[in-house]
C-alpha atoms as a PDB file:
ATOM      1  CA  UNK A   1       0.002   0.001   0.000  1.00  0.00           C
ATOM      2  CA  UNK A   2       1.469   3.382  -1.040  1.00  0.00           C
ATOM      3  CA  UNK A   3       3.152   5.551   1.556  1.00  0.00           C
ATOM      4  CA  UNK A   4       1.734   8.549  -0.274  1.00  0.00           C
ATOM      5  CA  UNK A   5      -1.786   7.388   0.604  1.00  0.00           C
ATOM      6  CA  UNK A   6      -0.984   6.997   4.284  1.00  0.00           C
ATOM      7  CA  UNK A   7       0.847  10.295   4.231  1.00  0.00           C
ATOM      8  CA  UNK A   8      -2.212  11.968   2.740  1.00  0.00           C
ATOM      9  CA  UNK A   9      -4.467  10.430   5.397  1.00  0.00           C
ATOM     10  CA  UNK A  10      -2.131  11.559   8.162  1.00  0.00           C
ATOM     11  CA  UNK A  11      -2.022  15.063   6.678  1.00  0.00           C
ATOM     12  CA  UNK A  12      -5.825  15.283   6.644  1.00  0.00           C
ATOM     13  CA  UNK A  13      -6.025  14.190  10.294  1.00  0.00           C
ATOM     14  CA  UNK A  14      -3.373  16.796  11.158  1.00  0.00           C
ATOM     15  CA  UNK A  15      -5.368  19.443   9.261  1.00  0.00           C
ATOM     16  CA  UNK A  16      -8.461  18.538  11.284  1.00  0.00           C
ATOM     17  CA  UNK A  17      -6.430  18.908  14.481  1.00  0.00           C
ATOM     18  CA  UNK A  18      -5.118  22.276  13.304  1.00  0.00           C
ATOM     19  CA  UNK A  19      -8.619  23.662  12.734  1.00  0.00           C
ATOM     20  CA  UNK A  20      -9.891  22.309  16.068  1.00  0.00           C
ATOM     21  CA  UNK A  21      -6.945  23.861  17.910  1.00  0.00           C
ATOM     22  CA  UNK A  22      -7.384  27.156  16.051  1.00  0.00           C
ATOM     23  CA  UNK A  23     -11.079  27.371  16.947  1.00  0.00           C
ATOM     24  CA  UNK A  24     -10.656  26.661  20.662  1.00  0.00           C
ATOM     25  CA  UNK A  25      -7.500  28.779  20.867  1.00  0.00           C
ATOM     26  CA  UNK A  26      -9.139  31.853  19.289  1.00  0.00           C
ATOM     27  CA  UNK A  27     -12.251  31.609  21.478  1.00  0.00           C
ATOM     28  CA  UNK A  28     -10.289  30.940  24.688  1.00  0.00           C
ATOM     29  CA  UNK A  29      -7.427  33.415  24.308  1.00  0.00           C
ATOM     30  CA  UNK A  30      -7.439  36.559  26.467  1.00  0.00           C
ATOM     31  CA  UNK A  31      -7.601  39.760  24.450  1.00  0.00           C
ATOM     32  CA  UNK A  32      -5.429  41.612  26.962  1.00  0.00           C
ATOM     33  CA  UNK A  33      -2.589  39.118  26.506  1.00  0.00           C
ATOM     34  CA  UNK A  34      -2.738  39.364  22.717  1.00  0.00           C
ATOM     35  CA  UNK A  35      -2.957  43.174  22.833  1.00  0.00           C
ATOM     36  CA  UNK A  36       0.058  43.434  25.149  1.00  0.00           C
ATOM     37  CA  UNK A  37       2.105  41.076  22.966  1.00  0.00           C
ATOM     38  CA  UNK A  38       1.129  43.028  19.848  1.00  0.00           C
ATOM     39  CA  UNK A  39       2.216  46.281  21.471  1.00  0.00           C
ATOM     40  CA  UNK A  40       5.526  44.628  22.388  1.00  0.00           C
ATOM     41  CA  UNK A  41       6.153  43.863  18.710  1.00  0.00           C
ATOM     42  CA  UNK A  42       5.039  40.221  18.391  1.00  0.00           C
ATOM     43  CA  UNK A  43       4.136  39.806  14.694  1.00  0.00           C
ATOM     44  CA  UNK A  44       1.848  36.814  15.220  1.00  0.00           C
ATOM     45  CA  UNK A  45      -0.038  38.681  17.957  1.00  0.00           C
ATOM     46  CA  UNK A  46      -0.521  41.635  15.596  1.00  0.00           C
ATOM     47  CA  UNK A  47      -2.040  39.299  13.017  1.00  0.00           C
ATOM     48  CA  UNK A  48      -4.303  37.650  15.602  1.00  0.00           C
ATOM     49  CA  UNK A  49      -5.446  40.831  17.403  1.00  0.00           C
ATOM     50  CA  UNK A  50      -8.021  42.000  14.793  1.00  0.00           C
ATOM     51  CA  UNK A  51      -9.866  38.688  15.089  1.00  0.00           C
ATOM     52  CA  UNK A  52     -10.076  38.503  18.891  1.00  0.00           C
ATOM     53  CA  UNK A  53     -11.067  42.177  19.299  1.00  0.00           C
ATOM     54  CA  UNK A  54     -13.923  42.121  16.768  1.00  0.00           C
ATOM     55  CA  UNK A  55     -16.832  39.701  17.341  1.00  0.00           C
ATOM     56  CA  UNK A  56     -17.757  39.681  13.628  1.00  0.00           C
ATOM     57  CA  UNK A  57     -14.173  38.862  12.620  1.00  0.00           C
ATOM     58  CA  UNK A  58     -14.067  36.170  15.301  1.00  0.00           C
ATOM     59  CA  UNK A  59     -17.250  34.633  13.856  1.00  0.00           C
ATOM     60  CA  UNK A  60     -15.588  34.440  10.438  1.00  0.00           C
ATOM     61  CA  UNK A  61     -12.470  32.934  12.032  1.00  0.00           C
ATOM     62  CA  UNK A  62     -14.500  30.236  13.782  1.00  0.00           C
ATOM     63  CA  UNK A  63     -16.555  29.677  10.611  1.00  0.00           C
ATOM     64  CA  UNK A  64     -13.369  29.059   8.629  1.00  0.00           C
ATOM     65  CA  UNK A  65     -12.260  26.566  11.294  1.00  0.00           C
ATOM     66  CA  UNK A  66     -15.533  24.693  11.048  1.00  0.00           C
ATOM     67  CA  UNK A  67     -15.355  24.586   7.256  1.00  0.00           C
ATOM     68  CA  UNK A  68     -11.798  23.286   7.507  1.00  0.00           C
ATOM     69  CA  UNK A  69     -12.880  20.556   9.950  1.00  0.00           C
ATOM     70  CA  UNK A  70     -15.736  19.502   7.686  1.00  0.00           C
ATOM     71  CA  UNK A  71     -13.673  19.506   4.493  1.00  0.00           C
ATOM     72  CA  UNK A  72     -10.771  17.575   6.045  1.00  0.00           C
ATOM     73  CA  UNK A  73     -13.169  14.988   7.527  1.00  0.00           C
ATOM     74  CA  UNK A  74     -14.985  14.449   4.216  1.00  0.00           C
ATOM     75  CA  UNK A  75     -11.715  14.267   2.302  1.00  0.00           C
ATOM     76  CA  UNK A  76     -10.330  11.754   4.820  1.00  0.00           C
ATOM     77  CA  UNK A  77     -13.311   9.444   4.341  1.00  0.00           C
ATOM     78  CA  UNK A  78     -13.320   9.796   0.551  1.00  0.00           C
ATOM     79  CA  UNK A  79      -9.589   9.149   0.212  1.00  0.00           C
ATOM     80  CA  UNK A  80      -9.683   6.150   2.546  1.00  0.00           C
ATOM     81  CA  UNK A  81     -12.653   4.584   0.747  1.00  0.00           C
ATOM     82  CA  UNK A  82     -11.153   5.168  -2.700  1.00  0.00           C
ATOM     83  CA  UNK A  83      -7.687   3.820  -1.883  1.00  0.00           C
ATOM     84  CA  UNK A  84      -7.250   1.792   1.293  1.00  0.00           C
ATOM     85  CA  UNK A  85     -10.673   0.091   1.140  1.00  0.00           C
ATOM     86  CA  UNK A  86     -10.212  -0.826  -2.533  1.00  0.00           C
ATOM     87  CA  UNK A  87      -6.779  -2.338  -1.866  1.00  0.00           C
ATOM     88  CA  UNK A  88      -7.949  -4.136   1.293  1.00  0.00           C
ATOM     89  CA  UNK A  89     -11.036  -5.737  -0.316  1.00  0.00           C
ATOM     90  CA  UNK A  90      -9.101  -8.412  -2.324  1.00  0.00           C
ATOM     91  CA  UNK A  91      -7.250  -9.432   0.853  1.00  0.00           C
ATOM     92  CA  UNK A  92     -10.565  -9.973   2.643  1.00  0.00           C
ATOM     93  CA  UNK A  93     -11.932 -11.892  -0.353  1.00  0.00           C
ATOM     94  CA  UNK A  94      -8.965 -14.275  -0.369  1.00  0.00           C
ATOM     95  CA  UNK A  95      -8.791 -14.679   3.403  1.00  0.00           C
ATOM     96  CA  UNK A  96     -12.464 -15.034   4.342  1.00  0.00           C
ATOM     97  CA  UNK A  97     -13.928 -16.158   1.013  1.00  0.00           C
ATOM     98  CA  UNK A  98     -16.186 -13.101   0.765  1.00  0.00           C
ATOM     99  CA  UNK A  99     -17.710 -11.953  -2.479  1.00  0.00           C
ATOM    100  CA  UNK A 100     -16.109  -8.771  -3.886  1.00  0.00           C
ATOM    101  CA  UNK A 101     -19.003  -6.434  -3.049  1.00  0.00           C
ATOM    102  CA  UNK A 102     -19.259  -7.653   0.545  1.00  0.00           C
ATOM    103  CA  UNK A 103     -15.475  -7.511   0.948  1.00  0.00           C
ATOM    104  CA  UNK A 104     -15.419  -3.912  -0.324  1.00  0.00           C
ATOM    105  CA  UNK A 105     -18.204  -2.927   2.098  1.00  0.00           C
ATOM    106  CA  UNK A 106     -16.474  -4.574   5.064  1.00  0.00           C
ATOM    107  CA  UNK A 107     -13.147  -2.981   4.109  1.00  0.00           C
ATOM    108  CA  UNK A 108     -14.747   0.463   3.804  1.00  0.00           C
ATOM    109  CA  UNK A 109     -16.519   0.172   7.169  1.00  0.00           C
ATOM    110  CA  UNK A 110     -13.410  -1.162   8.876  1.00  0.00           C
ATOM    111  CA  UNK A 111     -11.029   1.483   7.566  1.00  0.00           C
ATOM    112  CA  UNK A 112     -13.512   4.304   8.232  1.00  0.00           C
ATOM    113  CA  UNK A 113     -14.000   3.094  11.826  1.00  0.00           C
ATOM    114  CA  UNK A 114     -10.229   2.959  12.329  1.00  0.00           C
ATOM    115  CA  UNK A 115      -9.642   6.408  10.825  1.00  0.00           C
ATOM    116  CA  UNK A 116     -12.582   7.884  12.749  1.00  0.00           C
ATOM    117  CA  UNK A 117     -11.015   6.700  16.017  1.00  0.00           C
ATOM    118  CA  UNK A 118      -7.644   8.154  14.969  1.00  0.00           C
ATOM    119  CA  UNK A 119      -9.248  11.444  13.976  1.00  0.00           C
ATOM    120  CA  UNK A 120     -11.283  11.628  17.188  1.00  0.00           C
ATOM    121  CA  UNK A 121      -8.165  11.182  19.321  1.00  0.00           C
ATOM    122  CA  UNK A 122      -5.443  12.902  17.290  1.00  0.00           C
ATOM    123  CA  UNK A 123      -7.590  15.377  15.385  1.00  0.00           C
ATOM    124  CA  UNK A 124     -10.149  16.322  18.056  1.00  0.00           C
ATOM    125  CA  UNK A 125      -9.482  15.463  21.695  1.00  0.00           C
ATOM    126  CA  UNK A 126      -5.733  16.117  21.829  1.00  0.00           C
ATOM    127  CA  UNK A 127      -5.732  19.505  20.037  1.00  0.00           C
ATOM    128  CA  UNK A 128      -8.800  20.630  22.014  1.00  0.00           C
ATOM    129  CA  UNK A 129      -7.103  19.765  25.318  1.00  0.00           C
ATOM    130  CA  UNK A 130      -3.921  21.571  24.274  1.00  0.00           C
ATOM    131  CA  UNK A 131      -5.854  24.641  23.099  1.00  0.00           C
ATOM    132  CA  UNK A 132      -7.848  24.852  26.334  1.00  0.00           C
ATOM    133  CA  UNK A 133      -4.699  24.569  28.452  1.00  0.00           C
ATOM    134  CA  UNK A 134      -2.516  26.868  26.320  1.00  0.00           C
ATOM    135  CA  UNK A 135      -4.930  29.153  24.430  1.00  0.00           C
ATOM    136  CA  UNK A 136      -2.480  31.984  23.761  1.00  0.00           C
ATOM    137  CA  UNK A 137       0.301  29.780  22.416  1.00  0.00           C
ATOM    138  CA  UNK A 138      -2.171  27.735  20.348  1.00  0.00           C
ATOM    139  CA  UNK A 139      -3.902  30.774  18.861  1.00  0.00           C
ATOM    140  CA  UNK A 140      -0.571  32.327  17.865  1.00  0.00           C
ATOM    141  CA  UNK A 141       0.736  29.071  16.390  1.00  0.00           C
ATOM    142  CA  UNK A 142      -2.337  28.616  14.171  1.00  0.00           C
ATOM    143  CA  UNK A 143      -3.017  32.203  13.081  1.00  0.00           C
ATOM    144  CA  UNK A 144      -1.031  32.079   9.814  1.00  0.00           C
ATOM    145  CA  UNK A 145      -2.671  28.924   8.372  1.00  0.00           C
ATOM    146  CA  UNK A 146      -6.013  30.286   9.545  1.00  0.00           C
ATOM    147  CA  UNK A 147      -5.473  33.552   7.643  1.00  0.00           C
ATOM    148  CA  UNK A 148      -4.688  31.507   4.517  1.00  0.00           C
ATOM    149  CA  UNK A 149      -7.810  29.428   5.131  1.00  0.00           C
ATOM    150  CA  UNK A 150      -9.930  32.552   5.538  1.00  0.00           C
ATOM    151  CA  UNK A 151      -8.790  33.721   2.123  1.00  0.00           C
ATOM    152  CA  UNK A 152      -9.440  30.292   0.560  1.00  0.00           C
ATOM    153  CA  UNK A 153     -12.847  29.796   2.189  1.00  0.00           C
ATOM    154  CA  UNK A 154     -14.098  33.371   1.762  1.00  0.00           C
ATOM    155  CA  UNK A 155     -16.763  32.569  -0.894  1.00  0.00           C
ATOM    156  CA  UNK A 156     -18.042  29.640   1.180  1.00  0.00           C
ATOM    157  CA  UNK A 157     -18.105  31.775   4.326  1.00  0.00           C
ATOM    158  CA  UNK A 158     -20.188  34.460   2.627  1.00  0.00           C
ATOM    159  CA  UNK A 159     -22.741  31.932   1.375  1.00  0.00           C
ATOM    160  CA  UNK A 160     -22.912  29.817   4.554  1.00  0.00           C
ATOM    161  CA  UNK A 161     -22.966  32.736   7.001  1.00  0.00           C
ATOM    162  CA  UNK A 162     -25.603  34.497   4.914  1.00  0.00           C
ATOM    163  CA  UNK A 163     -27.773  31.373   4.778  1.00  0.00           C
ATOM    164  CA  UNK A 164     -27.404  30.775   8.521  1.00  0.00           C
ATOM    165  CA  UNK A 165     -28.318  34.415   9.267  1.00  0.00           C
ATOM    166  CA  UNK A 166     -31.442  34.197   7.107  1.00  0.00           C
ATOM    167  CA  UNK A 167     -32.573  31.015   8.845  1.00  0.00           C
ATOM    168  CA  UNK A 168     -32.013  32.541  12.282  1.00  0.00           C
ATOM    169  CA  UNK A 169     -33.954  35.668  11.313  1.00  0.00           C
ATOM    170  CA  UNK A 170     -36.702  33.478   9.888  1.00  0.00           C
ATOM    171  CA  UNK A 171     -37.138  31.810  13.283  1.00  0.00           C
ATOM    172  CA  UNK A 172     -36.641  35.177  15.088  1.00  0.00           C
ATOM    173  CA  UNK A 173     -33.527  33.994  16.888  1.00  0.00           C
ATOM    174  CA  UNK A 174     -31.099  36.714  17.922  1.00  0.00           C
ATOM    175  CA  UNK A 175     -27.680  36.386  16.283  1.00  0.00           C
ATOM    176  CA  UNK A 176     -24.902  36.410  18.857  1.00  0.00           C
ATOM    177  CA  UNK A 177     -21.137  36.211  18.446  1.00  0.00           C
ATOM    178  CA  UNK A 178     -18.787  33.785  20.114  1.00  0.00           C
ATOM    179  CA  UNK A 179     -17.483  36.273  22.658  1.00  0.00           C
ATOM    180  CA  UNK A 180     -20.241  36.613  25.258  1.00  0.00           C
ATOM    181  CA  UNK A 181     -21.046  33.458  27.166  1.00  0.00           C
ATOM    182  CA  UNK A 182     -23.158  35.164  29.878  1.00  0.00           C
ATOM    183  CA  UNK A 183     -24.923  38.497  29.975  1.00  0.00           C
ATOM    184  CA  UNK A 184     -24.191  40.889  32.872  1.00  0.00           C
ATOM    185  CA  UNK A 185     -27.647  40.129  34.296  1.00  0.00           C
ATOM    186  CA  UNK A 186     -26.901  36.384  34.272  1.00  0.00           C
ATOM    187  CA  UNK A 187     -23.559  36.917  35.994  1.00  0.00           C
ATOM    188  CA  UNK A 188     -25.193  39.094  38.663  1.00  0.00           C
ATOM    189  CA  UNK A 189     -27.811  36.371  39.210  1.00  0.00           C
ATOM    190  CA  UNK A 190     -25.062  33.748  39.608  1.00  0.00           C
ATOM    191  CA  UNK A 191     -23.314  35.985  42.157  1.00  0.00           C
ATOM    192  CA  UNK A 192     -26.558  36.314  44.134  1.00  0.00           C
ATOM    193  CA  UNK A 193     -27.126  32.550  44.010  1.00  0.00           C
ATOM    194  CA  UNK A 194     -23.567  31.932  45.202  1.00  0.00           C
ATOM    195  CA  UNK A 195     -24.198  34.232  48.159  1.00  0.00           C
ATOM    196  CA  UNK A 196     -27.485  32.518  48.968  1.00  0.00           C
ATOM    197  CA  UNK A 197     -25.752  29.152  48.767  1.00  0.00           C
ATOM    198  CA  UNK A 198     -23.131  30.216  51.292  1.00  0.00           C
ATOM    199  CA  UNK A 199     -20.210  30.375  48.831  1.00  0.00           C
ATOM    200  CA  UNK A 200     -19.840  34.156  49.093  1.00  0.00           C
ATOM    201  CA  UNK A 201     -19.935  36.530  52.049  1.00  0.00           C
ATOM    202  CA  UNK A 202     -22.160  39.610  51.652  1.00  0.00           C
ATOM    203  CA  UNK A 203     -19.149  41.948  51.319  1.00  0.00           C
ATOM    204  CA  UNK A 204     -17.641  39.661  48.672  1.00  0.00           C
ATOM    205  CA  UNK A 205     -20.895  39.761  46.751  1.00  0.00           C
ATOM    206  CA  UNK A 206     -20.890  43.567  46.856  1.00  0.00           C
ATOM    207  CA  UNK A 207     -17.323  43.736  45.553  1.00  0.00           C
ATOM    208  CA  UNK A 208     -18.163  41.398  42.679  1.00  0.00           C
ATOM    209  CA  UNK A 209     -21.248  43.431  41.805  1.00  0.00           C
ATOM    210  CA  UNK A 210     -19.186  46.641  41.803  1.00  0.00           C
ATOM    211  CA  UNK A 211     -16.606  44.949  39.565  1.00  0.00           C
ATOM    212  CA  UNK A 212     -19.375  43.899  37.170  1.00  0.00           C
ATOM    213  CA  UNK A 213     -20.888  47.372  37.063  1.00  0.00           C
ATOM    214  CA  UNK A 214     -17.482  48.988  36.577  1.00  0.00           C
ATOM    215  CA  UNK A 215     -17.706  47.913  32.938  1.00  0.00           C
ATOM    216  CA  UNK A 216     -20.995  49.799  32.551  1.00  0.00           C
ATOM    217  CA  UNK A 217     -19.543  53.190  33.598  1.00  0.00           C
ATOM    218  CA  UNK A 218     -17.530  55.378  31.224  1.00  0.00           C
ATOM    219  CA  UNK A 219     -14.191  56.667  32.450  1.00  0.00           C
ATOM    220  CA  UNK A 220     -15.496  60.259  32.441  1.00  0.00           C
ATOM    221  CA  UNK A 221     -17.714  59.389  35.430  1.00  0.00           C
ATOM    222  CA  UNK A 222     -14.654  58.644  37.569  1.00  0.00           C
ATOM    223  CA  UNK A 223     -12.115  61.116  36.203  1.00  0.00           C
ATOM    224  CA  UNK A 224     -10.762  64.262  37.824  1.00  0.00           C
ATOM    225  CA  UNK A 225     -11.856  67.130  35.519  1.00  0.00           C
ATOM    226  CA  UNK A 226      -9.201  69.239  33.838  1.00  0.00           C
ATOM    227  CA  UNK A 227      -9.968  72.300  35.958  1.00  0.00           C
ATOM    228  CA  UNK A 228      -9.251  70.357  39.197  1.00  0.00           C
ATOM    229  CA  UNK A 229      -5.931  68.848  38.136  1.00  0.00           C
ATOM    230  CA  UNK A 230      -2.664  69.855  39.753  1.00  0.00           C
ATOM    231  CA  UNK A 231      -0.278  70.422  36.859  1.00  0.00           C
ATOM    232  CA  UNK A 232       3.090  72.047  36.180  1.00  0.00           C
ATOM    233  CA  UNK A 233       4.063  74.016  33.066  1.00  0.00           C
ATOM    234  CA  UNK A 234       7.014  72.616  31.147  1.00  0.00           C
ATOM    235  CA  UNK A 235       8.959  75.872  31.554  1.00  0.00           C
ATOM    236  CA  UNK A 236       8.422  76.117  35.334  1.00  0.00           C
ATOM    237  CA  UNK A 237      11.418  77.261  37.339  1.00  0.00           C
ATOM    238  CA  UNK A 238      13.051  74.967  39.847  1.00  0.00           C
ATOM    239  CA  UNK A 239      11.561  76.936  42.763  1.00  0.00           C
ATOM    240  CA  UNK A 240       8.044  76.630  41.241  1.00  0.00           C
ATOM    241  CA  UNK A 241       8.513  72.893  40.820  1.00  0.00           C
ATOM    242  CA  UNK A 242       9.660  72.405  44.413  1.00  0.00           C
ATOM    243  CA  UNK A 243       6.855  74.576  45.828  1.00  0.00           C
ATOM    244  CA  UNK A 244       4.158  72.780  43.810  1.00  0.00           C
ATOM    245  CA  UNK A 245       5.487  69.339  44.716  1.00  0.00           C
ATOM    246  CA  UNK A 246       5.743  70.260  48.401  1.00  0.00           C
ATOM    247  CA  UNK A 247       2.180  71.604  48.461  1.00  0.00           C
ATOM    248  CA  UNK A 248       0.689  68.672  46.569  1.00  0.00           C
ATOM    249  CA  UNK A 249      -0.283  65.342  48.185  1.00  0.00           C
ATOM    250  CA  UNK A 250       0.292  63.514  44.892  1.00  0.00           C
ATOM    251  CA  UNK A 251       3.321  61.510  43.854  1.00  0.00           C
ATOM    252  CA  UNK A 252       2.762  62.088  40.112  1.00  0.00           C
ATOM    253  CA  UNK A 253       1.966  65.390  38.410  1.00  0.00           C
ATOM    254  CA  UNK A 254       1.017  66.060  34.771  1.00  0.00           C
ATOM    255  CA  UNK A 255       3.288  68.462  32.868  1.00  0.00           C
ATOM    256  CA  UNK A 256       1.700  70.848  30.340  1.00  0.00           C
ATOM    257  CA  UNK A 257       3.058  72.750  27.365  1.00  0.00           C
ATOM    258  CA  UNK A 258       2.417  76.436  28.217  1.00  0.00           C
ATOM    259  CA  UNK A 259       2.017  77.314  24.526  1.00  0.00           C
ATOM    260  CA  UNK A 260      -0.520  74.701  23.455  1.00  0.00           C
ATOM    261  CA  UNK A 261      -1.918  73.623  26.830  1.00  0.00           C
ATOM    262  CA  UNK A 262      -1.374  69.982  25.911  1.00  0.00           C
ATOM    263  CA  UNK A 263      -0.211  67.526  28.540  1.00  0.00           C
ATOM    264  CA  UNK A 264       3.274  66.441  27.491  1.00  0.00           C
ATOM    265  CA  UNK A 265       3.999  63.848  30.152  1.00  0.00           C
ATOM    266  CA  UNK A 266       4.156  63.084  33.837  1.00  0.00           C
ATOM    267  CA  UNK A 267       6.576  64.052  36.592  1.00  0.00           C
ATOM    268  CA  UNK A 268       7.221  61.376  39.193  1.00  0.00           C
ATOM    269  CA  UNK A 269       8.226  62.993  42.494  1.00  0.00           C
ATOM    270  CA  UNK A 270      10.586  60.112  43.285  1.00  0.00           C
ATOM    271  CA  UNK A 271      12.432  60.752  40.011  1.00  0.00           C
ATOM    272  CA  UNK A 272      12.697  64.426  40.902  1.00  0.00           C
ATOM    273  CA  UNK A 273      14.287  63.664  44.282  1.00  0.00           C
ATOM    274  CA  UNK A 274      16.614  60.956  42.969  1.00  0.00           C
ATOM    275  CA  UNK A 275      17.876  63.050  40.062  1.00  0.00           C
ATOM    276  CA  UNK A 276      18.281  66.132  42.253  1.00  0.00           C
ATOM    277  CA  UNK A 277      20.450  64.201  44.697  1.00  0.00           C
ATOM    278  CA  UNK A 278      22.588  62.859  41.848  1.00  0.00           C
ATOM    279  CA  UNK A 279      22.743  65.868  39.496  1.00  0.00           C
ATOM    280  CA  UNK A 280      21.185  68.898  41.171  1.00  0.00           C
ATOM    281  CA  UNK A 281      18.321  70.989  39.699  1.00  0.00           C
ATOM    282  CA  UNK A 282      17.172  69.817  36.266  1.00  0.00           C
ATOM    283  CA  UNK A 283      14.692  71.160  33.677  1.00  0.00           C
ATOM    284  CA  UNK A 284      11.382  69.346  33.613  1.00  0.00           C
ATOM    285  CA  UNK A 285      11.815  68.040  30.061  1.00  0.00           C
ATOM    286  CA  UNK A 286      14.609  65.765  31.369  1.00  0.00           C
ATOM    287  CA  UNK A 287      12.331  64.287  34.029  1.00  0.00           C
ATOM    288  CA  UNK A 288       9.256  63.599  31.922  1.00  0.00           C
ATOM    289  CA  UNK A 289       7.690  60.157  31.792  1.00  0.00           C
ATOM    290  CA  UNK A 290       5.147  59.177  29.109  1.00  0.00           C
ATOM    291  CA  UNK A 291       1.430  59.244  29.827  1.00  0.00           C
ATOM    292  CA  UNK A 292      -1.295  56.936  28.546  1.00  0.00           C
ATOM    293  CA  UNK A 293      -3.972  58.780  26.558  1.00  0.00           C
ATOM    294  CA  UNK A 294      -7.423  57.154  26.476  1.00  0.00           C
ATOM    295  CA  UNK A 295     -10.910  58.110  25.309  1.00  0.00           C
ATOM    296  CA  UNK A 296     -13.191  59.435  28.042  1.00  0.00           C
ATOM    297  CA  UNK A 297     -16.042  57.182  26.874  1.00  0.00           C
ATOM    298  CA  UNK A 298     -13.984  54.012  27.372  1.00  0.00           C
ATOM    299  CA  UNK A 299     -15.575  51.681  29.981  1.00  0.00           C
ATOM    300  CA  UNK A 300     -13.888  51.995  33.352  1.00  0.00           C
ATOM    301  CA  UNK A 301     -12.946  48.298  33.528  1.00  0.00           C
ATOM    302  CA  UNK A 302     -11.092  48.605  30.219  1.00  0.00           C
ATOM    303  CA  UNK A 303      -9.212  51.637  31.544  1.00  0.00           C
ATOM    304  CA  UNK A 304      -8.129  49.572  34.542  1.00  0.00           C
ATOM    305  CA  UNK A 305      -6.997  46.769  32.218  1.00  0.00           C
ATOM    306  CA  UNK A 306      -5.011  49.151  29.994  1.00  0.00           C
ATOM    307  CA  UNK A 307      -3.261  50.742  32.977  1.00  0.00           C
ATOM    308  CA  UNK A 308      -2.329  47.357  34.435  1.00  0.00           C
ATOM    309  CA  UNK A 309      -1.094  46.059  31.082  1.00  0.00           C
ATOM    310  CA  UNK A 310       1.186  49.072  30.604  1.00  0.00           C
ATOM    311  CA  UNK A 311       2.160  49.250  34.292  1.00  0.00           C
ATOM    312  CA  UNK A 312       0.980  52.863  34.510  1.00  0.00           C
ATOM    313  CA  UNK A 313      -0.702  54.568  37.450  1.00  0.00           C
ATOM    314  CA  UNK A 314      -2.675  57.232  35.615  1.00  0.00           C
ATOM    315  CA  UNK A 315      -4.010  58.161  32.190  1.00  0.00           C
ATOM    316  CA  UNK A 316      -5.102  61.358  30.475  1.00  0.00           C
ATOM    317  CA  UNK A 317      -8.652  61.250  29.107  1.00  0.00           C
ATOM    318  CA  UNK A 318      -9.594  62.973  25.857  1.00  0.00           C
ATOM    319  CA  UNK A 319     -12.883  63.590  24.078  1.00  0.00           C
ATOM    320  CA  UNK A 320     -13.758  62.713  20.484  1.00  0.00           C
ATOM    321  CA  UNK A 321     -11.864  65.801  19.258  1.00  0.00           C
ATOM    322  CA  UNK A 322      -8.700  64.782  21.107  1.00  0.00           C
ATOM    323  CA  UNK A 323      -9.003  67.552  23.709  1.00  0.00           C
ATOM    324  CA  UNK A 324      -7.949  66.645  27.252  1.00  0.00           C
ATOM    325  CA  UNK A 325     -10.973  66.568  29.546  1.00  0.00           C
ATOM    326  CA  UNK A 326      -9.495  65.075  32.697  1.00  0.00           C
ATOM    327  CA  UNK A 327      -7.270  62.555  34.340  1.00  0.00           C
ATOM    328  CA  UNK A 328      -7.941  59.169  35.907  1.00  0.00           C
ATOM    329  CA  UNK A 329      -5.701  57.195  38.256  1.00  0.00           C
ATOM    330  CA  UNK A 330      -5.626  53.561  39.163  1.00  0.00           C
ATOM    331  CA  UNK A 331      -6.522  54.652  42.709  1.00  0.00           C
ATOM    332  CA  UNK A 332      -9.755  56.214  41.387  1.00  0.00           C
ATOM    333  CA  UNK A 333     -10.680  52.927  39.724  1.00  0.00           C
ATOM    334  CA  UNK A 334      -9.738  50.725  42.662  1.00  0.00           C
ATOM    335  CA  UNK A 335     -11.574  53.067  45.025  1.00  0.00           C
ATOM    336  CA  UNK A 336     -14.722  52.666  42.960  1.00  0.00           C
ATOM    337  CA  UNK A 337     -14.175  48.911  42.802  1.00  0.00           C
ATOM    338  CA  UNK A 338     -13.713  48.584  46.566  1.00  0.00           C
ATOM    339  CA  UNK A 339     -16.442  51.053  47.462  1.00  0.00           C
ATOM    340  CA  UNK A 340     -14.187  53.882  48.642  1.00  0.00           C
ATOM    341  CA  UNK A 341     -14.782  56.261  45.770  1.00  0.00           C
ATOM    342  CA  UNK A 342     -14.830  59.977  46.410  1.00  0.00           C
ATOM    343  CA  UNK A 343     -12.349  59.860  49.297  1.00  0.00           C
ATOM    344  CA  UNK A 344      -9.316  61.079  47.351  1.00  0.00           C
ATOM    345  CA  UNK A 345      -8.281  64.727  47.852  1.00  0.00           C
ATOM    346  CA  UNK A 346      -9.338  67.127  45.133  1.00  0.00           C
ATOM    347  CA  UNK A 347      -6.773  68.097  42.508  1.00  0.00           C
ATOM    348  CA  UNK A 348      -6.163  71.819  42.595  1.00  0.00           C
ATOM    349  CA  UNK A 349      -5.586  73.806  39.434  1.00  0.00           C
ATOM    350  CA  UNK A 350      -1.964  74.813  38.945  1.00  0.00           C
END
């Protein structure tokens, strides 16, 4: 029996495993991990990020995986029946004295049962287990063949997704993407049931509810408005810097460009002290640290995620026109999360 035939069968089983791993990896991967890796320059993460951040793109990605699984399974059965079963039938005829038609049927059933078991183990269970345990690594490893598959299956995807959407609309079933497994209301109900069942203390339930509702509040609701921020102009004298820092309770101060009014960066008081001890008075432009700039309508939980990913303590918020409207700190977000919001001292205008 030709090695090329067995090689082709093995390749089809491997292709099935690839598509299974790609589907579970893409659905299970954390967007924050992929986004951070993309920002750090990982090329595979940059290619994967558009699919995990957009529910419609993720649906197409999963659809391509399912088409690949179906095509590889059908091709595996067709190839096995046309080659291995045909070559095995004469052996069964000679060994068990079966007529040719019966021998061909038995050979086809036997080889399909054997290959189905191989595909179930090697092409389904193993890649699914790997993808569930290592979703990030799996999603990155499969993104290039999946992009090629998306290009190859694009006409099929358009037809099949369109047909599926029409059928769902016909039966008045809401079309949902693969991203949301539970609605916020369902999660809140599960939290309440966990408290009633004795798995959560009342204060734990409250913290979880605040964490859930944090995603429903825009960052502008928690920010310090521009007119209450303590800032320093970039051309401030050393005496002005020292006086402002001494009078302020904050360890980080935004630095503004006096000409444009834009916030150019952040001064960390610890940097100021360390550099002064080592080098004496320095202009502010040599002490600046970068600031994260985010939209004011971004949900508060996403702001918290972005700050943690970039290891930053505060971010400048801008409106749709790019104009700075305020500033938000990780303390503001954690205070809201823990129920201590509103206790931070007000930022005075510089």
